């Protein structure tokens, strides 16, 4: 005689829990979503590093121009592969030194000087990452344009 609590020797299933097949389907779906999402996130993070670096460099360029005008001194921004420095030209005093994030490279056509009347030497600056790049142009007027 079988009791109401078991059929064929197995305990009653009830509504709680998942079968092995249901769990396998869920894990496969999660794996697919993660596999699709990680490359997109990596591109987003790389673009954010480039954008953030470009914004910070633009602010530092504008700050160097502002210092040149207010202090009536010439300021230079010296570029290297992954960093730059804002320098007061007559004394060589480093006002600011900034290193770029990993996987962001910097290339410039020169080191712009900012003069006391607000003008500057024109320079093109390229920030390059694994997927994206940004070009900043210092115009002879001393302003910066992003391309």
N, C-alpha and C. Protein backbone atom coordinates (compact mmCIF):
# COMPACT_ATOMS: atom_id res chain seq x y z
N UNK A 1 0.83 -1.16 0.00
CA UNK A 1 0.00 0.00 0.00
C UNK A 1 0.88 1.23 0.00
N UNK A 2 0.55 2.19 -0.83
CA UNK A 2 1.33 3.43 -0.91
C UNK A 2 0.62 4.50 -0.13
N UNK A 3 1.42 5.31 0.49
CA UNK A 3 0.83 6.41 1.24
C UNK A 3 0.65 7.60 0.31
N UNK A 4 -0.08 8.58 0.79
CA UNK A 4 -0.34 9.77 -0.01
C UNK A 4 0.91 10.63 -0.13
N UNK A 5 1.91 10.38 0.72
CA UNK A 5 3.09 11.22 0.69
C UNK A 5 4.15 10.74 -0.29
N UNK A 6 3.97 9.57 -0.91
CA UNK A 6 4.96 9.14 -1.89
C UNK A 6 4.30 8.35 -3.00
N UNK A 7 4.87 8.50 -4.18
CA UNK A 7 4.41 7.74 -5.34
C UNK A 7 5.63 7.03 -5.89
N UNK A 8 5.55 5.76 -6.09
CA UNK A 8 6.65 4.95 -6.58
C UNK A 8 7.91 5.07 -5.71
N UNK A 9 7.74 5.29 -4.46
CA UNK A 9 8.88 5.36 -3.56
C UNK A 9 9.57 6.71 -3.48
N UNK A 10 9.16 7.66 -4.28
CA UNK A 10 9.77 9.00 -4.26
C UNK A 10 8.90 9.94 -3.43
N UNK A 11 9.52 10.87 -2.70
CA UNK A 11 8.70 11.82 -1.95
C UNK A 11 7.98 12.76 -2.91
N UNK A 12 6.85 13.34 -2.50
CA UNK A 12 6.13 14.23 -3.41
C UNK A 12 6.97 15.47 -3.73
N UNK A 13 6.83 15.95 -4.96
CA UNK A 13 7.68 17.05 -5.43
C UNK A 13 7.22 18.38 -4.89
N UNK A 14 6.05 18.75 -4.93
CA UNK A 14 5.62 20.06 -4.47
C UNK A 14 6.07 21.14 -5.44
N UNK A 15 5.85 22.41 -5.13
CA UNK A 15 6.17 23.49 -6.05
C UNK A 15 7.51 24.14 -5.79
N UNK A 16 8.22 23.77 -4.74
CA UNK A 16 9.48 24.44 -4.41
C UNK A 16 10.65 23.75 -5.09
N UNK A 17 11.59 24.54 -5.63
CA UNK A 17 12.80 23.98 -6.20
C UNK A 17 12.78 23.96 -7.72
N UNK A 18 13.94 23.68 -8.29
CA UNK A 18 14.10 23.63 -9.74
C UNK A 18 14.64 22.27 -10.12
N UNK A 19 14.33 21.86 -11.31
CA UNK A 19 14.91 20.62 -11.82
C UNK A 19 16.30 20.91 -12.34
N UNK A 20 17.07 19.87 -12.56
CA UNK A 20 18.43 20.02 -13.08
C UNK A 20 18.42 20.66 -14.47
N UNK A 21 17.45 20.33 -15.28
CA UNK A 21 17.34 20.92 -16.62
C UNK A 21 17.06 22.41 -16.53
N UNK A 22 16.17 22.81 -15.64
CA UNK A 22 15.86 24.24 -15.47
C UNK A 22 17.10 25.01 -15.01
N UNK A 23 17.84 24.44 -14.07
CA UNK A 23 19.06 25.10 -13.61
C UNK A 23 20.10 25.21 -14.73
N UNK A 24 20.23 24.17 -15.54
CA UNK A 24 21.19 24.21 -16.65
C UNK A 24 20.81 25.30 -17.64
N UNK A 25 19.53 25.44 -17.95
CA UNK A 25 19.08 26.48 -18.88
C UNK A 25 19.37 27.86 -18.30
N UNK A 26 19.15 28.05 -17.02
CA UNK A 26 19.42 29.35 -16.39
C UNK A 26 20.92 29.67 -16.45
N UNK A 27 21.77 28.70 -16.14
CA UNK A 27 23.21 28.96 -16.18
C UNK A 27 23.71 29.23 -17.59
N UNK A 28 23.17 28.56 -18.57
CA UNK A 28 23.55 28.82 -19.96
C UNK A 28 23.13 30.24 -20.35
N UNK A 29 21.93 30.65 -19.96
CA UNK A 29 21.45 32.00 -20.29
C UNK A 29 22.33 33.06 -19.61
N UNK A 30 22.67 32.85 -18.36
CA UNK A 30 23.55 33.80 -17.65
C UNK A 30 24.92 33.85 -18.33
N UNK A 31 25.45 32.70 -18.70
CA UNK A 31 26.74 32.65 -19.39
C UNK A 31 26.73 33.42 -20.70
N UNK A 32 25.65 33.29 -21.46
CA UNK A 32 25.53 34.03 -22.72
C UNK A 32 25.47 35.53 -22.48
N UNK A 33 24.69 35.96 -21.49
CA UNK A 33 24.59 37.39 -21.19
C UNK A 33 25.93 37.96 -20.74
N UNK A 34 26.65 37.24 -19.90
CA UNK A 34 27.96 37.70 -19.45
C UNK A 34 28.94 37.73 -20.62
N UNK A 35 28.90 36.71 -21.46
CA UNK A 35 29.79 36.66 -22.62
C UNK A 35 29.56 37.80 -23.60
N UNK A 36 28.33 38.21 -23.73
CA UNK A 36 28.01 39.33 -24.62
C UNK A 36 28.32 40.66 -23.95
N UNK A 37 28.09 40.76 -22.65
CA UNK A 37 28.23 42.03 -21.95
C UNK A 37 29.66 42.45 -21.65
N UNK A 38 30.56 41.53 -21.41
CA UNK A 38 31.93 41.89 -21.02
C UNK A 38 32.65 42.66 -22.12
N UNK A 39 32.64 42.23 -23.38
CA UNK A 39 33.32 43.04 -24.40
C UNK A 39 32.73 44.45 -24.54
N UNK A 40 31.42 44.57 -24.42
CA UNK A 40 30.80 45.89 -24.48
C UNK A 40 31.26 46.75 -23.32
N UNK A 41 31.35 46.18 -22.14
CA UNK A 41 31.80 46.93 -20.98
C UNK A 41 33.25 47.35 -21.13
N UNK A 42 34.09 46.48 -21.70
CA UNK A 42 35.50 46.83 -21.90
C UNK A 42 35.63 48.02 -22.85
N UNK A 43 34.84 48.04 -23.91
CA UNK A 43 34.87 49.18 -24.84
C UNK A 43 34.38 50.45 -24.14
N UNK A 44 33.33 50.32 -23.34
CA UNK A 44 32.80 51.47 -22.61
C UNK A 44 33.86 52.02 -21.65
N UNK A 45 34.53 51.13 -20.92
CA UNK A 45 35.56 51.57 -19.97
C UNK A 45 36.72 52.23 -20.69
N UNK A 46 37.13 51.68 -21.84
CA UNK A 46 38.22 52.28 -22.62
C UNK A 46 37.83 53.67 -23.11
N UNK A 47 36.60 53.81 -23.60
CA UNK A 47 36.13 55.12 -24.06
C UNK A 47 36.06 56.11 -22.90
N UNK A 48 35.65 55.65 -21.74
CA UNK A 48 35.59 56.53 -20.57
C UNK A 48 36.98 57.02 -20.16
N UNK A 49 37.98 56.14 -20.26
CA UNK A 49 39.35 56.55 -19.93
C UNK A 49 39.84 57.63 -20.90
N UNK A 50 39.56 57.44 -22.19
CA UNK A 50 39.98 58.43 -23.19
C UNK A 50 39.25 59.75 -22.96
N UNK A 51 37.93 59.70 -22.77
CA UNK A 51 37.15 60.93 -22.56
C UNK A 51 37.60 61.66 -21.30
N UNK A 52 37.79 60.93 -20.22
CA UNK A 52 38.22 61.54 -18.98
C UNK A 52 39.60 62.18 -19.11
N UNK A 53 40.51 61.49 -19.78
CA UNK A 53 41.85 62.04 -19.98
C UNK A 53 41.81 63.28 -20.86
N UNK A 54 40.99 63.25 -21.91
CA UNK A 54 40.87 64.42 -22.81
C UNK A 54 40.28 65.61 -22.06
N UNK A 55 39.26 65.37 -21.25
CA UNK A 55 38.65 66.46 -20.47
C UNK A 55 39.65 67.06 -19.48
N UNK A 56 40.39 66.21 -18.80
CA UNK A 56 41.36 66.71 -17.82
C UNK A 56 42.49 67.47 -18.51
N UNK A 57 42.95 66.97 -19.65
CA UNK A 57 44.00 67.67 -20.39
C UNK A 57 43.51 69.03 -20.89
N UNK A 58 42.27 69.08 -21.37
CA UNK A 58 41.71 70.36 -21.80
C UNK A 58 41.68 71.36 -20.64
N UNK A 59 41.27 70.91 -19.46
CA UNK A 59 41.24 71.81 -18.30
C UNK A 59 42.64 72.29 -17.93
N UNK A 60 43.63 71.39 -18.01
CA UNK A 60 45.00 71.79 -17.68
C UNK A 60 45.56 72.76 -18.72
N UNK A 61 45.21 72.58 -19.98
CA UNK A 61 45.64 73.53 -21.01
C UNK A 61 45.02 74.90 -20.75
N UNK A 62 43.74 74.92 -20.45
CA UNK A 62 43.07 76.19 -20.16
C UNK A 62 43.64 76.83 -18.90
N UNK A 63 43.99 76.01 -17.93
CA UNK A 63 44.59 76.53 -16.70
C UNK A 63 45.97 77.14 -16.99
N UNK A 64 46.77 76.49 -17.83
CA UNK A 64 48.08 77.04 -18.19
C UNK A 64 47.93 78.39 -18.89
N UNK A 65 46.96 78.50 -19.76
CA UNK A 65 46.71 79.78 -20.44
C UNK A 65 46.29 80.85 -19.43
N UNK A 66 45.42 80.47 -18.51
CA UNK A 66 44.95 81.40 -17.49
C UNK A 66 46.11 81.86 -16.60
N UNK A 67 46.99 80.94 -16.21
CA UNK A 67 48.16 81.31 -15.42
C UNK A 67 49.06 82.27 -16.18
N UNK A 68 49.26 82.01 -17.46
CA UNK A 68 50.11 82.89 -18.27
C UNK A 68 49.57 84.31 -18.31
N UNK A 69 48.27 84.44 -18.43
CA UNK A 69 47.65 85.77 -18.50
C UNK A 69 47.69 86.46 -17.14
N UNK A 70 47.29 85.75 -16.08
CA UNK A 70 47.19 86.40 -14.77
C UNK A 70 48.55 86.68 -14.15
N UNK A 71 49.53 85.82 -14.37
CA UNK A 71 50.85 86.02 -13.76
C UNK A 71 51.84 86.71 -14.69
N UNK A 72 51.41 86.97 -15.93
CA UNK A 72 52.26 87.63 -16.92
C UNK A 72 53.59 86.88 -17.10
N UNK A 73 53.48 85.55 -17.21
CA UNK A 73 54.63 84.67 -17.42
C UNK A 73 54.30 83.73 -18.57
N UNK A 74 55.33 83.14 -19.15
CA UNK A 74 55.14 82.13 -20.19
C UNK A 74 55.10 80.75 -19.53
N UNK A 75 54.12 79.95 -19.93
CA UNK A 75 53.98 78.59 -19.42
C UNK A 75 54.05 77.61 -20.58
N UNK A 76 54.64 76.46 -20.33
CA UNK A 76 54.82 75.42 -21.34
C UNK A 76 54.18 74.14 -20.83
N UNK A 77 53.57 73.41 -21.75
CA UNK A 77 53.12 72.05 -21.42
C UNK A 77 54.03 71.09 -22.17
N UNK A 78 54.76 70.28 -21.43
CA UNK A 78 55.66 69.30 -22.03
C UNK A 78 54.97 67.94 -22.03
N UNK A 79 54.94 67.33 -23.21
CA UNK A 79 54.27 66.04 -23.38
C UNK A 79 55.30 64.93 -23.50
N UNK A 80 54.96 63.79 -22.90
CA UNK A 80 55.72 62.56 -23.07
C UNK A 80 54.72 61.46 -23.40
N UNK A 81 55.18 60.23 -23.53
CA UNK A 81 54.32 59.14 -24.02
C UNK A 81 53.07 58.93 -23.18
N UNK A 82 53.18 58.98 -21.87
CA UNK A 82 52.01 58.72 -21.04
C UNK A 82 51.85 59.74 -19.91
N UNK A 83 52.45 60.90 -20.07
CA UNK A 83 52.29 61.95 -19.06
C UNK A 83 52.58 63.31 -19.66
N UNK A 84 52.23 64.34 -18.89
CA UNK A 84 52.55 65.71 -19.30
C UNK A 84 52.78 66.56 -18.06
N UNK A 85 53.48 67.68 -18.26
CA UNK A 85 53.78 68.61 -17.18
C UNK A 85 53.45 70.02 -17.62
N UNK A 86 52.91 70.80 -16.69
CA UNK A 86 52.72 72.23 -16.90
C UNK A 86 53.88 72.91 -16.17
N UNK A 87 54.66 73.70 -16.93
CA UNK A 87 55.90 74.27 -16.40
C UNK A 87 55.91 75.77 -16.60
N UNK A 88 56.35 76.49 -15.58
CA UNK A 88 56.58 77.93 -15.70
C UNK A 88 57.92 78.08 -16.42
N UNK A 89 57.93 78.69 -17.61
CA UNK A 89 59.06 78.63 -18.53
C UNK A 89 60.33 79.30 -17.99
N UNK A 90 60.22 80.45 -17.36
CA UNK A 90 61.43 81.17 -16.97
C UNK A 90 62.18 80.51 -15.81
N UNK A 91 61.46 79.84 -14.92
CA UNK A 91 62.11 79.21 -13.77
C UNK A 91 62.22 77.69 -13.90
N UNK A 92 61.43 77.09 -14.78
CA UNK A 92 61.42 75.64 -14.92
C UNK A 92 60.63 74.94 -13.82
N UNK A 93 59.86 75.71 -13.06
CA UNK A 93 59.07 75.14 -11.97
C UNK A 93 57.90 74.33 -12.53
N UNK A 94 57.79 73.09 -12.09
CA UNK A 94 56.68 72.24 -12.51
C UNK A 94 55.46 72.61 -11.68
N UNK A 95 54.42 73.09 -12.36
CA UNK A 95 53.18 73.49 -11.70
C UNK A 95 52.28 72.29 -11.49
N UNK A 96 52.24 71.42 -12.49
CA UNK A 96 51.39 70.22 -12.42
C UNK A 96 52.01 69.13 -13.26
N UNK A 97 51.97 67.92 -12.74
CA UNK A 97 52.42 66.75 -13.50
C UNK A 97 51.30 65.73 -13.46
N UNK A 98 50.95 65.21 -14.60
CA UNK A 98 49.82 64.28 -14.69
C UNK A 98 50.22 63.06 -15.50
N UNK A 99 50.00 61.88 -14.93
CA UNK A 99 50.19 60.62 -15.66
C UNK A 99 48.84 60.17 -16.19
N UNK A 100 48.85 59.63 -17.38
CA UNK A 100 47.61 59.15 -18.00
C UNK A 100 47.29 57.75 -17.50
N UNK A 101 46.01 57.35 -17.58
CA UNK A 101 45.64 55.99 -17.17
C UNK A 101 46.31 54.93 -18.04
N UNK A 102 46.33 53.71 -17.54
CA UNK A 102 46.87 52.59 -18.32
C UNK A 102 46.15 52.48 -19.65
N UNK A 103 46.88 52.11 -20.66
CA UNK A 103 46.37 51.87 -22.01
C UNK A 103 45.88 53.16 -22.69
N UNK A 104 46.34 54.32 -22.22
CA UNK A 104 46.08 55.59 -22.89
C UNK A 104 47.43 56.19 -23.23
N UNK A 105 47.68 56.41 -24.52
CA UNK A 105 48.95 56.97 -24.98
C UNK A 105 48.73 58.39 -25.47
N UNK A 106 49.76 59.20 -25.38
CA UNK A 106 49.68 60.60 -25.76
C UNK A 106 50.76 60.88 -26.80
N UNK A 107 50.38 61.59 -27.86
CA UNK A 107 51.33 62.04 -28.87
C UNK A 107 50.98 63.47 -29.23
N UNK A 108 51.99 64.33 -29.36
CA UNK A 108 51.75 65.74 -29.67
C UNK A 108 52.74 66.19 -30.74
N UNK A 109 52.33 67.19 -31.51
CA UNK A 109 53.20 67.73 -32.56
C UNK A 109 54.19 68.74 -32.00
N UNK A 110 54.13 69.02 -30.72
CA UNK A 110 55.05 69.95 -30.07
C UNK A 110 54.62 70.20 -28.65
N UNK A 111 55.32 71.09 -27.99
CA UNK A 111 55.00 71.49 -26.62
C UNK A 111 54.50 72.93 -26.66
N UNK A 112 53.22 73.15 -26.45
CA UNK A 112 52.69 74.51 -26.59
C UNK A 112 53.17 75.44 -25.48
N UNK A 113 53.48 76.66 -25.89
CA UNK A 113 53.81 77.72 -24.94
C UNK A 113 52.64 78.68 -24.91
N UNK A 114 52.30 79.12 -23.71
CA UNK A 114 51.22 80.08 -23.52
C UNK A 114 51.85 81.38 -23.03
N UNK A 115 51.55 82.45 -23.76
CA UNK A 115 52.19 83.73 -23.50
C UNK A 115 51.27 84.63 -22.68
N UNK A 116 51.85 85.68 -22.11
CA UNK A 116 51.13 86.56 -21.18
C UNK A 116 49.95 87.27 -21.82
N UNK A 117 49.93 87.41 -23.13
CA UNK A 117 48.81 88.07 -23.80
C UNK A 117 47.73 87.08 -24.22
N UNK A 118 47.87 85.81 -23.84
CA UNK A 118 46.83 84.82 -24.10
C UNK A 118 47.03 83.96 -25.32
N UNK A 119 48.02 84.28 -26.13
CA UNK A 119 48.28 83.49 -27.34
C UNK A 119 49.07 82.23 -26.99
N UNK A 120 49.12 81.31 -27.96
CA UNK A 120 49.83 80.05 -27.73
C UNK A 120 50.42 79.54 -29.04
N UNK A 121 51.38 78.66 -28.92
CA UNK A 121 51.90 77.96 -30.09
C UNK A 121 50.88 76.88 -30.46
N UNK A 122 50.49 76.80 -31.73
CA UNK A 122 49.50 75.78 -32.12
C UNK A 122 50.10 74.37 -32.06
N UNK A 123 49.31 73.45 -31.53
CA UNK A 123 49.76 72.06 -31.37
C UNK A 123 48.55 71.14 -31.52
N UNK A 124 48.77 69.98 -32.12
CA UNK A 124 47.77 68.90 -32.15
C UNK A 124 48.20 67.83 -31.16
N UNK A 125 47.26 67.39 -30.35
CA UNK A 125 47.52 66.37 -29.32
C UNK A 125 46.57 65.21 -29.57
N UNK A 126 47.10 64.01 -29.62
CA UNK A 126 46.27 62.82 -29.85
C UNK A 126 46.36 61.90 -28.64
N UNK A 127 45.21 61.59 -28.08
CA UNK A 127 45.11 60.60 -27.00
C UNK A 127 44.57 59.32 -27.63
N UNK A 128 45.29 58.22 -27.46
CA UNK A 128 44.92 56.97 -28.12
C UNK A 128 44.75 55.86 -27.09
N UNK A 129 43.68 55.10 -27.26
CA UNK A 129 43.43 53.93 -26.43
C UNK A 129 43.28 52.71 -27.32
N UNK A 130 42.87 51.58 -26.75
CA UNK A 130 42.75 50.36 -27.55
C UNK A 130 41.64 50.42 -28.60
N UNK A 131 40.59 51.21 -28.38
CA UNK A 131 39.47 51.24 -29.31
C UNK A 131 39.17 52.63 -29.86
N UNK A 132 39.53 53.67 -29.12
CA UNK A 132 39.13 55.02 -29.48
C UNK A 132 40.33 55.96 -29.42
N UNK A 133 40.16 57.14 -30.01
CA UNK A 133 41.17 58.20 -29.88
C UNK A 133 40.46 59.55 -29.87
N UNK A 134 41.12 60.54 -29.32
CA UNK A 134 40.63 61.91 -29.31
C UNK A 134 41.76 62.82 -29.73
N UNK A 135 41.43 63.84 -30.51
CA UNK A 135 42.41 64.83 -30.94
C UNK A 135 42.03 66.17 -30.35
N UNK A 136 42.98 66.79 -29.66
CA UNK A 136 42.81 68.13 -29.13
C UNK A 136 43.74 69.05 -29.92
N UNK A 137 43.25 70.22 -30.28
CA UNK A 137 44.05 71.19 -31.02
C UNK A 137 44.14 72.47 -30.21
N UNK A 138 45.37 72.87 -29.91
CA UNK A 138 45.60 74.17 -29.28
C UNK A 138 45.75 75.17 -30.43
N UNK A 139 44.86 76.14 -30.47
CA UNK A 139 44.85 77.13 -31.54
C UNK A 139 45.79 78.29 -31.19
N UNK A 140 46.21 79.07 -32.18
CA UNK A 140 47.08 80.23 -31.90
C UNK A 140 46.44 81.23 -30.93
N UNK A 141 45.12 81.23 -30.85
CA UNK A 141 44.44 82.13 -29.90
C UNK A 141 44.56 81.64 -28.46
N UNK A 142 45.07 80.42 -28.26
CA UNK A 142 45.22 79.86 -26.92
C UNK A 142 44.06 78.98 -26.50
N UNK A 143 43.01 78.94 -27.30
CA UNK A 143 41.87 78.09 -26.96
C UNK A 143 42.12 76.66 -27.43
N UNK A 144 41.33 75.75 -26.90
CA UNK A 144 41.47 74.33 -27.22
C UNK A 144 40.21 73.86 -27.92
N UNK A 145 40.40 73.09 -28.98
CA UNK A 145 39.27 72.52 -29.70
C UNK A 145 39.41 71.00 -29.71
N UNK A 146 38.30 70.33 -29.45
CA UNK A 146 38.27 68.86 -29.47
C UNK A 146 37.71 68.39 -30.81
N UNK A 147 38.36 67.41 -31.38
CA UNK A 147 37.87 66.84 -32.65
C UNK A 147 37.45 65.41 -32.44
